[in-house]
Amino acid sequence: MIHRQGQRYAGLNEAEGHGMTLTGRIIRDAWVFGLLPEGDGCAGRSAGDLQNLFEAVHQAWGPYGQLPSRLPPELAERHARIHAEAVARAKAMGWTSELGDDD
């Protein structure tokens, strides 16, 4: 979520849905591919910075057809770990994967 005040991203730890959003997934995938250091939640980044990150992550996924099942073992293990930790953290903070009436 981009804060109106200065149009900066609040950061993954402050994100809506405890980071279980498209932006959160892009940030975690950037960790998988080494585009960002693990733990960098992009706090304070502009919408343009996030768009550039989205494009870099999309490009990194290209050789794998955007499918985790096609990742080489090292990346597949990193992907599984990073995303499993994110789901566990979000659930511990009250997030549920069930869709609401507005979804």
PDB file of N, CA and C in Angstrom:
ATOM      1  N   MET A   1       0.842  -1.173   0.000  1.00  0.00           N
ATOM      2  CA  MET A   1       0.000   0.000   0.000  1.00  0.00           C
ATOM      3  C   MET A   1       0.887   1.236   0.000  1.00  0.00           C
ATOM      4  N   ILE A   2       0.615   2.138  -0.917  1.00  0.00           N
ATOM      5  CA  ILE A   2       1.354   3.397  -1.014  1.00  0.00           C
ATOM      6  C   ILE A   2       0.635   4.424  -0.151  1.00  0.00           C
ATOM      7  N   HIS A   3       1.376   5.041   0.735  1.00  0.00           N
ATOM      8  CA  HIS A   3       0.793   6.099   1.551  1.00  0.00           C
ATOM      9  C   HIS A   3       0.646   7.352   0.703  1.00  0.00           C
ATOM     10  N   ARG A   4      -0.474   8.021   0.819  1.00  0.00           N
ATOM     11  CA  ARG A   4      -0.711   9.260   0.060  1.00  0.00           C
ATOM     12  C   ARG A   4       0.331  10.314   0.395  1.00  0.00           C
ATOM     13  N   GLN A   5       0.705  10.362   1.629  1.00  0.00           N
ATOM     14  CA  GLN A   5       1.658  11.350   2.101  1.00  0.00           C
ATOM     15  C   GLN A   5       3.033  11.028   1.517  1.00  0.00           C
ATOM     16  N   GLY A   6       3.408  11.687   0.449  1.00  0.00           N
ATOM     17  CA  GLY A   6       4.701  11.471  -0.177  1.00  0.00           C
ATOM     18  C   GLY A   6       4.729  10.286  -1.112  1.00  0.00           C
ATOM     19  N   GLN A   7       3.618   9.582  -1.277  1.00  0.00           N
ATOM     20  CA  GLN A   7       3.519   8.449  -2.191  1.00  0.00           C
ATOM     21  C   GLN A   7       4.633   7.428  -1.977  1.00  0.00           C
ATOM     22  N   ARG A   8       4.801   6.998  -0.762  1.00  0.00           N
ATOM     23  CA  ARG A   8       5.830   6.006  -0.429  1.00  0.00           C
ATOM     24  C   ARG A   8       5.167   4.755   0.139  1.00  0.00           C
ATOM     25  N   TYR A   9       5.761   3.611  -0.158  1.00  0.00           N
ATOM     26  CA  TYR A   9       5.263   2.328   0.330  1.00  0.00           C
ATOM     27  C   TYR A   9       5.579   2.212   1.813  1.00  0.00           C
ATOM     28  N   ALA A  10       4.595   1.782   2.586  1.00  0.00           N
ATOM     29  CA  ALA A  10       4.764   1.673   4.035  1.00  0.00           C
ATOM     30  C   ALA A  10       5.759   0.579   4.412  1.00  0.00           C
ATOM     31  N   GLY A  11       5.901  -0.397   3.565  1.00  0.00           N
ATOM     32  CA  GLY A  11       6.807  -1.505   3.840  1.00  0.00           C
ATOM     33  C   GLY A  11       6.046  -2.802   4.035  1.00  0.00           C
ATOM     34  N   LEU A  12       6.703  -3.887   3.759  1.00  0.00           N
ATOM     35  CA  LEU A  12       6.081  -5.201   3.821  1.00  0.00           C
ATOM     36  C   LEU A  12       5.505  -5.498   5.196  1.00  0.00           C
ATOM     37  N   ASN A  13       6.194  -5.105   6.251  1.00  0.00           N
ATOM     38  CA  ASN A  13       5.713  -5.380   7.609  1.00  0.00           C
ATOM     39  C   ASN A  13       4.482  -4.558   7.973  1.00  0.00           C
ATOM     40  N   GLU A  14       4.234  -3.493   7.257  1.00  0.00           N
ATOM     41  CA  GLU A  14       3.076  -2.634   7.526  1.00  0.00           C
ATOM     42  C   GLU A  14       1.979  -2.817   6.482  1.00  0.00           C
ATOM     43  N   ALA A  15       2.198  -3.706   5.539  1.00  0.00           N
ATOM     44  CA  ALA A  15       1.287  -3.859   4.401  1.00  0.00           C
ATOM     45  C   ALA A  15      -0.055  -4.457   4.808  1.00  0.00           C
ATOM     46  N   GLU A  16      -1.037  -4.098   4.046  1.00  0.00           N
ATOM     47  CA  GLU A  16      -2.377  -4.652   4.178  1.00  0.00           C
ATOM     48  C   GLU A  16      -2.301  -6.177   4.060  1.00  0.00           C
ATOM     49  N   GLY A  17      -3.129  -6.866   4.814  1.00  0.00           N
ATOM     50  CA  GLY A  17      -3.145  -8.322   4.752  1.00  0.00           C
ATOM     51  C   GLY A  17      -1.863  -8.955   5.248  1.00  0.00           C
ATOM     52  N   HIS A  18      -1.118  -8.227   6.074  1.00  0.00           N
ATOM     53  CA  HIS A  18       0.141  -8.720   6.640  1.00  0.00           C
ATOM     54  C   HIS A  18       1.112  -9.158   5.545  1.00  0.00           C
ATOM     55  N   GLY A  19       1.088  -8.418   4.437  1.00  0.00           N
ATOM     56  CA  GLY A  19       2.018  -8.673   3.346  1.00  0.00           C
ATOM     57  C   GLY A  19       1.558  -9.721   2.359  1.00  0.00           C
ATOM     58  N   MET A  20       0.342 -10.211   2.515  1.00  0.00           N
ATOM     59  CA  MET A  20      -0.166 -11.239   1.605  1.00  0.00           C
ATOM     60  C   MET A  20      -0.930 -10.566   0.462  1.00  0.00           C
ATOM     61  N   THR A  21      -0.205  -9.727  -0.256  1.00  0.00           N
ATOM     62  CA  THR A  21      -0.748  -8.962  -1.376  1.00  0.00           C
ATOM     63  C   THR A  21       0.146  -9.194  -2.588  1.00  0.00           C
ATOM     64  N   LEU A  22      -0.261  -8.683  -3.734  1.00  0.00           N
ATOM     65  CA  LEU A  22       0.571  -8.790  -4.922  1.00  0.00           C
ATOM     66  C   LEU A  22       1.934  -8.127  -4.689  1.00  0.00           C
ATOM     67  N   THR A  23       1.931  -6.953  -4.082  1.00  0.00           N
ATOM     68  CA  THR A  23       3.200  -6.267  -3.806  1.00  0.00           C
ATOM     69  C   THR A  23       4.062  -7.101  -2.873  1.00  0.00           C
ATOM     70  N   GLY A  24       3.460  -7.692  -1.854  1.00  0.00           N
ATOM     71  CA  GLY A  24       4.201  -8.551  -0.937  1.00  0.00           C
ATOM     72  C   GLY A  24       4.819  -9.742  -1.644  1.00  0.00           C
ATOM     73  N   ARG A  25       4.061 -10.346  -2.547  1.00  0.00           N
ATOM     74  CA  ARG A  25       4.569 -11.498  -3.292  1.00  0.00           C
ATOM     75  C   ARG A  25       5.736 -11.077  -4.173  1.00  0.00           C
ATOM     76  N   ILE A  26       5.622  -9.918  -4.802  1.00  0.00           N
ATOM     77  CA  ILE A  26       6.707  -9.427  -5.661  1.00  0.00           C
ATOM     78  C   ILE A  26       7.976  -9.196  -4.834  1.00  0.00           C
ATOM     79  N   ILE A  27       7.823  -8.598  -3.669  1.00  0.00           N
ATOM     80  CA  ILE A  27       8.981  -8.353  -2.801  1.00  0.00           C
ATOM     81  C   ILE A  27       9.617  -9.680  -2.391  1.00  0.00           C
ATOM     82  N   ARG A  28       8.802 -10.648  -1.975  1.00  0.00           N
ATOM     83  CA  ARG A  28       9.360 -11.942  -1.574  1.00  0.00           C
ATOM     84  C   ARG A  28      10.018 -12.648  -2.762  1.00  0.00           C
ATOM     85  N   ASP A  29       9.427 -12.535  -3.946  1.00  0.00           N
ATOM     86  CA  ASP A  29      10.056 -13.135  -5.123  1.00  0.00           C
ATOM     87  C   ASP A  29      11.376 -12.435  -5.445  1.00  0.00           C
ATOM     88  N   ALA A  30      11.461 -11.146  -5.190  1.00  0.00           N
ATOM     89  CA  ALA A  30      12.727 -10.426  -5.385  1.00  0.00           C
ATOM     90  C   ALA A  30      13.791 -10.995  -4.448  1.00  0.00           C
ATOM     91  N   TRP A  31      13.398 -11.402  -3.239  1.00  0.00           N
ATOM     92  CA  TRP A  31      14.338 -12.060  -2.324  1.00  0.00           C
ATOM     93  C   TRP A  31      14.794 -13.389  -2.918  1.00  0.00           C
ATOM     94  N   VAL A  32      13.834 -14.145  -3.456  1.00  0.00           N
ATOM     95  CA  VAL A  32      14.151 -15.454  -4.035  1.00  0.00           C
ATOM     96  C   VAL A  32      15.225 -15.311  -5.105  1.00  0.00           C
ATOM     97  N   PHE A  33      15.071 -14.332  -5.978  1.00  0.00           N
ATOM     98  CA  PHE A  33      15.986 -14.169  -7.106  1.00  0.00           C
ATOM     99  C   PHE A  33      17.211 -13.310  -6.777  1.00  0.00           C
ATOM    100  N   GLY A  34      17.333 -12.879  -5.532  1.00  0.00           N
ATOM    101  CA  GLY A  34      18.492 -12.084  -5.146  1.00  0.00           C
ATOM    102  C   GLY A  34      18.459 -10.655  -5.647  1.00  0.00           C
ATOM    103  N   LEU A  35      17.274 -10.178  -6.013  1.00  0.00           N
ATOM    104  CA  LEU A  35      17.138  -8.793  -6.476  1.00  0.00           C
ATOM    105  C   LEU A  35      17.094  -7.819  -5.305  1.00  0.00           C
ATOM    106  N   LEU A  36      16.703  -8.329  -4.148  1.00  0.00           N
ATOM    107  CA  LEU A  36      16.703  -7.585  -2.888  1.00  0.00           C
ATOM    108  C   LEU A  36      17.259  -8.512  -1.822  1.00  0.00           C
ATOM    109  N   PRO A  37      17.920  -7.961  -0.817  1.00  0.00           N
ATOM    110  CA  PRO A  37      18.337  -8.820   0.291  1.00  0.00           C
ATOM    111  C   PRO A  37      17.106  -9.269   1.083  1.00  0.00           C
ATOM    112  N   GLU A  38      17.131 -10.503   1.557  1.00  0.00           N
ATOM    113  CA  GLU A  38      16.009 -10.993   2.366  1.00  0.00           C
ATOM    114  C   GLU A  38      15.792 -10.052   3.538  1.00  0.00           C
ATOM    115  N   GLY A  39      14.541  -9.751   3.778  1.00  0.00           N
ATOM    116  CA  GLY A  39      14.186  -8.865   4.874  1.00  0.00           C
ATOM    117  C   GLY A  39      13.964  -7.428   4.433  1.00  0.00           C
ATOM    118  N   ASP A  40      14.440  -7.055   3.254  1.00  0.00           N
ATOM    119  CA  ASP A  40      14.197  -5.700   2.750  1.00  0.00           C
ATOM    120  C   ASP A  40      12.734  -5.620   2.348  1.00  0.00           C
ATOM    121  N   GLY A  41      11.944  -4.929   3.150  1.00  0.00           N
ATOM    122  CA  GLY A  41      10.511  -4.818   2.906  1.00  0.00           C
ATOM    123  C   GLY A  41      10.114  -3.630   2.062  1.00  0.00           C
ATOM    124  N   CYS A  42      11.077  -2.943   1.502  1.00  0.00           N
ATOM    125  CA  CYS A  42      10.852  -1.819   0.584  1.00  0.00           C
ATOM    126  C   CYS A  42      10.168  -0.616   1.233  1.00  0.00           C
ATOM    127  N   ALA A  43      10.252  -0.491   2.534  1.00  0.00           N
ATOM    128  CA  ALA A  43       9.667   0.672   3.207  1.00  0.00           C
ATOM    129  C   ALA A  43      10.273   1.949   2.641  1.00  0.00           C
ATOM    130  N   GLY A  44       9.400   2.895   2.347  1.00  0.00           N
ATOM    131  CA  GLY A  44       9.837   4.190   1.862  1.00  0.00           C
ATOM    132  C   GLY A  44      10.051   4.271   0.362  1.00  0.00           C
ATOM    133  N   ARG A  45       9.856   3.172  -0.344  1.00  0.00           N
ATOM    134  CA  ARG A  45      10.056   3.181  -1.793  1.00  0.00           C
ATOM    135  C   ARG A  45       8.862   3.829  -2.491  1.00  0.00           C
ATOM    136  N   SER A  46       9.142   4.445  -3.608  1.00  0.00           N
ATOM    137  CA  SER A  46       8.098   5.108  -4.390  1.00  0.00           C
ATOM    138  C   SER A  46       7.362   4.088  -5.257  1.00  0.00           C
ATOM    139  N   ALA A  47       6.243   4.521  -5.814  1.00  0.00           N
ATOM    140  CA  ALA A  47       5.490   3.669  -6.731  1.00  0.00           C
ATOM    141  C   ALA A  47       6.352   3.301  -7.936  1.00  0.00           C
ATOM    142  N   GLY A  48       7.162   4.224  -8.402  1.00  0.00           N
ATOM    143  CA  GLY A  48       8.063   3.958  -9.519  1.00  0.00           C
ATOM    144  C   GLY A  48       9.097   2.896  -9.170  1.00  0.00           C
ATOM    145  N   ASP A  49       9.633   2.977  -7.956  1.00  0.00           N
ATOM    146  CA  ASP A  49      10.594   1.963  -7.503  1.00  0.00           C
ATOM    147  C   ASP A  49       9.941   0.585  -7.483  1.00  0.00           C
ATOM    148  N   LEU A  50       8.699   0.521  -6.989  1.00  0.00           N
ATOM    149  CA  LEU A  50       7.993  -0.754  -6.927  1.00  0.00           C
ATOM    150  C   LEU A  50       7.666  -1.275  -8.324  1.00  0.00           C
ATOM    151  N   GLN A  51       7.347  -0.380  -9.240  1.00  0.00           N
ATOM    152  CA  GLN A  51       7.086  -0.791 -10.617  1.00  0.00           C
ATOM    153  C   GLN A  51       8.356  -1.374 -11.246  1.00  0.00           C
ATOM    154  N   ASN A  52       9.485  -0.738 -11.011  1.00  0.00           N
ATOM    155  CA  ASN A  52      10.759  -1.253 -11.518  1.00  0.00           C
ATOM    156  C   ASN A  52      11.063  -2.630 -10.933  1.00  0.00           C
ATOM    157  N   LEU A  53      10.763  -2.803  -9.643  1.00  0.00           N
ATOM    158  CA  LEU A  53      10.974  -4.089  -8.991  1.00  0.00           C
ATOM    159  C   LEU A  53      10.052  -5.147  -9.599  1.00  0.00           C
ATOM    160  N   PHE A  54       8.788  -4.777  -9.811  1.00  0.00           N
ATOM    161  CA  PHE A  54       7.829  -5.693 -10.430  1.00  0.00           C
ATOM    162  C   PHE A  54       8.364  -6.177 -11.783  1.00  0.00           C
ATOM    163  N   GLU A  55       8.860  -5.257 -12.586  1.00  0.00           N
ATOM    164  CA  GLU A  55       9.369  -5.605 -13.909  1.00  0.00           C
ATOM    165  C   GLU A  55      10.605  -6.505 -13.820  1.00  0.00           C
ATOM    166  N   ALA A  56      11.493  -6.221 -12.872  1.00  0.00           N
ATOM    167  CA  ALA A  56      12.695  -7.049 -12.703  1.00  0.00           C
ATOM    168  C   ALA A  56      12.322  -8.463 -12.257  1.00  0.00           C
ATOM    169  N   VAL A  57      11.356  -8.573 -11.359  1.00  0.00           N
ATOM    170  CA  VAL A  57      10.917  -9.883 -10.889  1.00  0.00           C
ATOM    171  C   VAL A  57      10.253 -10.643 -12.036  1.00  0.00           C
ATOM    172  N   HIS A  58       9.429  -9.954 -12.807  1.00  0.00           N
ATOM    173  CA  HIS A  58       8.769 -10.589 -13.946  1.00  0.00           C
ATOM    174  C   HIS A  58       9.818 -11.147 -14.915  1.00  0.00           C
ATOM    175  N   GLN A  59      10.843 -10.366 -15.163  1.00  0.00           N
ATOM    176  CA  GLN A  59      11.920 -10.790 -16.054  1.00  0.00           C
ATOM    177  C   GLN A  59      12.666 -11.996 -15.467  1.00  0.00           C
ATOM    178  N   ALA A  60      12.902 -11.980 -14.158  1.00  0.00           N
ATOM    179  CA  ALA A  60      13.608 -13.092 -13.508  1.00  0.00           C
ATOM    180  C   ALA A  60      12.811 -14.394 -13.609  1.00  0.00           C
ATOM    181  N   TRP A  61      11.490 -14.291 -13.576  1.00  0.00           N
ATOM    182  CA  TRP A  61      10.641 -15.467 -13.691  1.00  0.00           C
ATOM    183  C   TRP A  61      10.589 -16.005 -15.121  1.00  0.00           C
ATOM    184  N   GLY A  62      10.891 -15.181 -16.109  1.00  0.00           N
ATOM    185  CA  GLY A  62      10.755 -15.545 -17.517  1.00  0.00           C
ATOM    186  C   GLY A  62      11.287 -16.917 -17.899  1.00  0.00           C
ATOM    187  N   PRO A  63      12.529 -17.238 -17.548  1.00  0.00           N
ATOM    188  CA  PRO A  63      13.072 -18.541 -17.948  1.00  0.00           C
ATOM    189  C   PRO A  63      12.338 -19.737 -17.329  1.00  0.00           C
ATOM    190  N   TYR A  64      11.556 -19.470 -16.309  1.00  0.00           N
ATOM    191  CA  TYR A  64      10.861 -20.547 -15.590  1.00  0.00           C
ATOM    192  C   TYR A  64       9.362 -20.540 -15.866  1.00  0.00           C
ATOM    193  N   GLY A  65       8.943 -19.781 -16.858  1.00  0.00           N
ATOM    194  CA  GLY A  65       7.539 -19.745 -17.234  1.00  0.00           C
ATOM    195  C   GLY A  65       6.625 -19.254 -16.125  1.00  0.00           C
ATOM    196  N   GLN A  66       7.182 -18.468 -15.206  1.00  0.00           N
ATOM    197  CA  GLN A  66       6.426 -17.915 -14.077  1.00  0.00           C
ATOM    198  C   GLN A  66       5.911 -19.004 -13.135  1.00  0.00           C
ATOM    199  N   LEU A  67       6.517 -20.200 -13.176  1.00  0.00           N
ATOM    200  CA  LEU A  67       6.048 -21.342 -12.385  1.00  0.00           C
ATOM    201  C   LEU A  67       7.103 -21.802 -11.377  1.00  0.00           C
ATOM    202  N   PRO A  68       6.761 -21.796 -10.085  1.00  0.00           N
ATOM    203  CA  PRO A  68       7.711 -22.284  -9.077  1.00  0.00           C
ATOM    204  C   PRO A  68       8.185 -23.712  -9.339  1.00  0.00           C
ATOM    205  N   SER A  69       7.335 -24.536  -9.931  1.00  0.00           N
ATOM    206  CA  SER A  69       7.708 -25.929 -10.192  1.00  0.00           C
ATOM    207  C   SER A  69       8.842 -26.052 -11.200  1.00  0.00           C
ATOM    208  N   ARG A  70       9.120 -25.003 -11.936  1.00  0.00           N
ATOM    209  CA  ARG A  70      10.199 -25.032 -12.937  1.00  0.00           C
ATOM    210  C   ARG A  70      11.502 -24.428 -12.418  1.00  0.00           C
ATOM    211  N   LEU A  71      11.499 -23.948 -11.190  1.00  0.00           N
ATOM    212  CA  LEU A  71      12.714 -23.372 -10.626  1.00  0.00           C
ATOM    213  C   LEU A  71      13.753 -24.460 -10.384  1.00  0.00           C
ATOM    214  N   PRO A  72      15.042 -24.133 -10.529  1.00  0.00           N
ATOM    215  CA  PRO A  72      16.078 -25.102 -10.158  1.00  0.00           C
ATOM    216  C   PRO A  72      16.015 -25.345  -8.647  1.00  0.00           C
ATOM    217  N   PRO A  73      16.548 -26.471  -8.181  1.00  0.00           N
ATOM    218  CA  PRO A  73      16.391 -26.853  -6.767  1.00  0.00           C
ATOM    219  C   PRO A  73      16.719 -25.765  -5.748  1.00  0.00           C
ATOM    220  N   GLU A  74      17.822 -25.069  -5.925  1.00  0.00           N
ATOM    221  CA  GLU A  74      18.202 -24.043  -4.933  1.00  0.00           C
ATOM    222  C   GLU A  74      17.152 -22.927  -4.860  1.00  0.00           C
ATOM    223  N   LEU A  75      16.707 -22.446  -6.006  1.00  0.00           N
ATOM    224  CA  LEU A  75      15.685 -21.393  -6.019  1.00  0.00           C
ATOM    225  C   LEU A  75      14.343 -21.933  -5.548  1.00  0.00           C
ATOM    226  N   ALA A  76      14.021 -23.176  -5.908  1.00  0.00           N
ATOM    227  CA  ALA A  76      12.752 -23.771  -5.477  1.00  0.00           C
ATOM    228  C   ALA A  76      12.700 -23.872  -3.957  1.00  0.00           C
ATOM    229  N   GLU A  77      13.797 -24.293  -3.353  1.00  0.00           N
ATOM    230  CA  GLU A  77      13.853 -24.399  -1.884  1.00  0.00           C
ATOM    231  C   GLU A  77      13.734 -23.016  -1.238  1.00  0.00           C
ATOM    232  N   ARG A  78      14.431 -22.037  -1.791  1.00  0.00           N
ATOM    233  CA  ARG A  78      14.365 -20.676  -1.251  1.00  0.00           C
ATOM    234  C   ARG A  78      12.943 -20.122  -1.387  1.00  0.00           C
ATOM    235  N   HIS A  79      12.330 -20.334  -2.547  1.00  0.00           N
ATOM    236  CA  HIS A  79      10.961 -19.877  -2.782  1.00  0.00           C
ATOM    237  C   HIS A  79      10.008 -20.504  -1.766  1.00  0.00           C
ATOM    238  N   ALA A  80      10.090 -21.814  -1.599  1.00  0.00           N
ATOM    239  CA  ALA A  80       9.195 -22.515  -0.668  1.00  0.00           C
ATOM    240  C   ALA A  80       9.381 -22.000   0.753  1.00  0.00           C
ATOM    241  N   ARG A  81      10.623 -21.827   1.171  1.00  0.00           N
ATOM    242  CA  ARG A  81      10.902 -21.354   2.533  1.00  0.00           C
ATOM    243  C   ARG A  81      10.388 -19.942   2.757  1.00  0.00           C
ATOM    244  N   ILE A  82      10.721 -19.041   1.856  1.00  0.00           N
ATOM    245  CA  ILE A  82      10.342 -17.632   2.009  1.00  0.00           C
ATOM    246  C   ILE A  82       8.824 -17.490   2.038  1.00  0.00           C
ATOM    247  N   HIS A  83       8.144 -18.137   1.127  1.00  0.00           N
ATOM    248  CA  HIS A  83       6.692 -17.986   1.070  1.00  0.00           C
ATOM    249  C   HIS A  83       5.996 -18.728   2.216  1.00  0.00           C
ATOM    250  N   ALA A  84       6.523 -19.868   2.648  1.00  0.00           N
ATOM    251  CA  ALA A  84       5.941 -20.569   3.797  1.00  0.00           C
ATOM    252  C   ALA A  84       6.093 -19.739   5.071  1.00  0.00           C
ATOM    253  N   GLU A  85       7.249 -19.120   5.247  1.00  0.00           N
ATOM    254  CA  GLU A  85       7.462 -18.255   6.413  1.00  0.00           C
ATOM    255  C   GLU A  85       6.504 -17.067   6.389  1.00  0.00           C
ATOM    256  N   ALA A  86       6.266 -16.514   5.210  1.00  0.00           N
ATOM    257  CA  ALA A  86       5.356 -15.366   5.088  1.00  0.00           C
ATOM    258  C   ALA A  86       3.928 -15.764   5.439  1.00  0.00           C
ATOM    259  N   VAL A  87       3.493 -16.915   4.964  1.00  0.00           N
ATOM    260  CA  VAL A  87       2.138 -17.386   5.266  1.00  0.00           C
ATOM    261  C   VAL A  87       1.999 -17.645   6.761  1.00  0.00           C
ATOM    262  N   ALA A  88       2.975 -18.311   7.350  1.00  0.00           N
ATOM    263  CA  ALA A  88       2.924 -18.594   8.786  1.00  0.00           C
ATOM    264  C   ALA A  88       2.884 -17.302   9.595  1.00  0.00           C
ATOM    265  N   ARG A  89       3.700 -16.334   9.220  1.00  0.00           N
ATOM    266  CA  ARG A  89       3.730 -15.042   9.936  1.00  0.00           C
ATOM    267  C   ARG A  89       2.386 -14.329   9.810  1.00  0.00           C
ATOM    268  N   ALA A  90       1.843 -14.304   8.602  1.00  0.00           N
ATOM    269  CA  ALA A  90       0.562 -13.627   8.376  1.00  0.00           C
ATOM    270  C   ALA A  90      -0.563 -14.305   9.152  1.00  0.00           C
ATOM    271  N   LYS A  91      -0.578 -15.631   9.156  1.00  0.00           N
ATOM    272  CA  LYS A  91      -1.607 -16.358   9.908  1.00  0.00           C
ATOM    273  C   LYS A  91      -1.489 -16.078  11.398  1.00  0.00           C
ATOM    274  N   ALA A  92      -0.257 -16.017  11.900  1.00  0.00           N
ATOM    275  CA  ALA A  92      -0.039 -15.720  13.321  1.00  0.00           C
ATOM    276  C   ALA A  92      -0.538 -14.324  13.684  1.00  0.00           C
ATOM    277  N   MET A  93      -0.603 -13.441  12.678  1.00  0.00           N
ATOM    278  CA  MET A  93      -1.068 -12.067  12.911  1.00  0.00           C
ATOM    279  C   MET A  93      -2.543 -11.898  12.567  1.00  0.00           C
ATOM    280  N   GLY A  94      -3.228 -13.017  12.288  1.00  0.00           N
ATOM    281  CA  GLY A  94      -4.664 -12.946  12.063  1.00  0.00           C
ATOM    282  C   GLY A  94      -5.127 -13.011  10.623  1.00  0.00           C
ATOM    283  N   TRP A  95      -4.210 -13.147   9.679  1.00  0.00           N
ATOM    284  CA  TRP A  95      -4.599 -13.227   8.281  1.00  0.00           C
ATOM    285  C   TRP A  95      -5.231 -14.576   7.996  1.00  0.00           C
ATOM    286  N   THR A  96      -6.211 -14.591   7.133  1.00  0.00           N
ATOM    287  CA  THR A  96      -6.815 -15.834   6.677  1.00  0.00           C
ATOM    288  C   THR A  96      -6.836 -15.834   5.157  1.00  0.00           C
ATOM    289  N   SER A  97      -6.683 -16.992   4.577  1.00  0.00           N
ATOM    290  CA  SER A  97      -6.668 -17.085   3.122  1.00  0.00           C
ATOM    291  C   SER A  97      -8.076 -17.174   2.530  1.00  0.00           C
ATOM    292  N   GLU A  98      -9.071 -17.216   3.382  1.00  0.00           N
ATOM    293  CA  GLU A  98     -10.436 -17.281   2.901  1.00  0.00           C
ATOM    294  C   GLU A  98     -10.837 -15.950   2.251  1.00  0.00           C
ATOM    295  N   LEU A  99     -11.565 -16.048   1.147  1.00  0.00           N
ATOM    296  CA  LEU A  99     -12.024 -14.848   0.455  1.00  0.00           C
ATOM    297  C   LEU A  99     -13.217 -14.260   1.177  1.00  0.00           C
ATOM    298  N   GLY A 100     -13.259 -12.942   1.223  1.00  0.00           N
ATOM    299  CA  GLY A 100     -14.382 -12.241   1.819  1.00  0.00           C
ATOM    300  C   GLY A 100     -15.407 -11.872   0.760  1.00  0.00           C
ATOM    301  N   ASP A 101     -16.438 -11.182   1.157  1.00  0.00           N
ATOM    302  CA  ASP A 101     -17.498 -10.786   0.233  1.00  0.00           C
ATOM    303  C   ASP A 101     -17.015  -9.814  -0.841  1.00  0.00           C
ATOM    304  N   ASP A 102     -15.961  -9.064  -0.549  1.00  0.00           N
ATOM    305  CA  ASP A 102     -15.447  -8.076  -1.493  1.00  0.00           C
ATOM    306  C   ASP A 102     -14.383  -8.639  -2.417  1.00  0.00           C
ATOM    307  N   ASP A 103     -13.998  -9.913  -2.233  1.00  0.00           N
ATOM    308  CA  ASP A 103     -12.918 -10.506  -3.029  1.00  0.00           C
ATOM    309  C   ASP A 103     -13.455 -11.209  -4.249  1.00  0.00           C
TER     310      ASP A 103
END
